[in-house]
Structures are given as C-alpha cells and as structure tokens.
Amino acid sequence: MELYLYFGIVFLGLQAIYPLSKDVSMALVMVGNILIIYFSFTNYNFELLILTISMMIAQLSRIWRGV
C-alpha cells in the first residue's frame, strides 16, 4: 500500500498542472524514488529497483534541463 504513496510523491514532482519550482520538483522526485528504491531492497524486488533507477535518471535530467 505504501508503494502507491511513493509513486504519488514522484507524480507530484513531475506533474505540470500546478507548476512547482525546479528545486521542489527535484526534491519530490528524489524523495519518492529513494523511497521506492528502499521498498525494492526490503522486498527483494530487483526488477522494480532497476526500473526505478533508470526512470530516476530520466526524470531528473528532464527537470534539470527544464523540458
């Protein structure tokens, strides 16, 4: 159940309905993804771990570049 909350945090950082500053978006995406990575480690879900790390790189690079 808490995994949905973690995905929600990432969604809030990436959504464009209500524009957030770059720093707030980066913080939400980082915190949400770190929580998902922690969840992946504790539940031995390595497929989710690999997917989360690759998506985190893509998400942060889009926010950083402002695209």
Protein backbone atom coordinates (compact mmCIF):
# COMPACT_ATOMS: atom_id res chain seq x y z
CA MET A 1 0.00 0.00 0.00
CA GLU A 2 2.78 2.44 0.81
CA LEU A 3 4.18 1.95 -2.68
CA TYR A 4 1.22 3.92 -4.06
CA LEU A 5 2.15 6.81 -1.77
CA TYR A 6 5.74 6.74 -3.05
CA PHE A 7 4.55 6.81 -6.67
CA GLY A 8 2.24 9.68 -5.73
CA ILE A 9 5.19 11.69 -4.41
CA VAL A 10 7.02 11.18 -7.71
CA PHE A 11 3.86 12.14 -9.61
CA LEU A 12 3.56 15.40 -7.67
CA GLY A 13 7.12 16.26 -8.63
CA LEU A 14 6.52 15.57 -12.31
CA GLN A 15 3.00 16.92 -12.81
CA ALA A 16 2.52 20.10 -14.82
CA ILE A 17 -1.00 21.07 -13.70
CA TYR A 18 0.33 23.23 -10.89
CA PRO A 19 3.86 24.38 -11.77
CA LEU A 20 6.39 23.90 -9.00
CA SER A 21 9.87 25.33 -8.78
CA LYS A 22 12.76 23.27 -10.07
CA ASP A 23 14.08 22.71 -6.53
CA VAL A 24 10.73 21.47 -5.20
CA SER A 25 10.23 19.17 -8.20
CA MET A 26 13.74 17.74 -7.82
CA ALA A 27 13.19 17.17 -4.09
CA LEU A 28 9.86 15.39 -4.60
CA VAL A 29 11.23 13.17 -7.36
CA MET A 30 14.36 12.33 -5.35
CA VAL A 31 12.46 11.53 -2.14
CA GLY A 32 9.81 9.48 -3.93
CA ASN A 33 12.35 7.49 -5.92
CA ILE A 34 14.58 6.89 -2.89
CA LEU A 35 11.55 5.53 -1.02
CA ILE A 36 10.74 3.25 -3.98
CA ILE A 37 14.37 2.06 -4.04
CA TYR A 38 14.18 1.34 -0.30
CA PHE A 39 10.92 -0.57 -0.85
CA SER A 40 12.58 -2.57 -3.65
CA PHE A 41 15.52 -3.56 -1.44
CA THR A 42 13.41 -4.57 1.54
CA ASN A 43 11.05 -6.66 -0.60
CA TYR A 44 13.79 -8.17 -2.83
CA ASN A 45 12.12 -6.76 -5.95
CA PHE A 46 15.15 -6.18 -8.14
CA GLU A 47 13.14 -5.63 -11.34
CA LEU A 48 11.49 -2.62 -9.70
CA LEU A 49 14.90 -1.46 -8.46
CA ILE A 50 16.42 -1.43 -11.95
CA LEU A 51 13.34 0.25 -13.42
CA THR A 52 13.30 2.91 -10.68
CA ILE A 53 16.97 3.78 -11.07
CA SER A 54 16.69 4.13 -14.84
CA MET A 55 13.50 6.20 -14.59
CA MET A 56 15.02 8.37 -11.87
CA ILE A 57 17.87 9.33 -14.18
CA ALA A 58 15.41 10.18 -16.96
CA GLN A 59 13.12 12.18 -14.64
CA LEU A 60 15.89 14.21 -13.03
CA SER A 61 17.51 15.01 -16.37
CA ARG A 62 14.19 16.31 -17.74
CA ILE A 63 13.64 18.52 -14.70
CA TRP A 64 17.24 19.75 -14.75
CA ARG A 65 17.04 20.69 -18.44
CA GLY A 66 13.60 22.25 -17.97
CA VAL A 67 11.92 20.22 -20.69
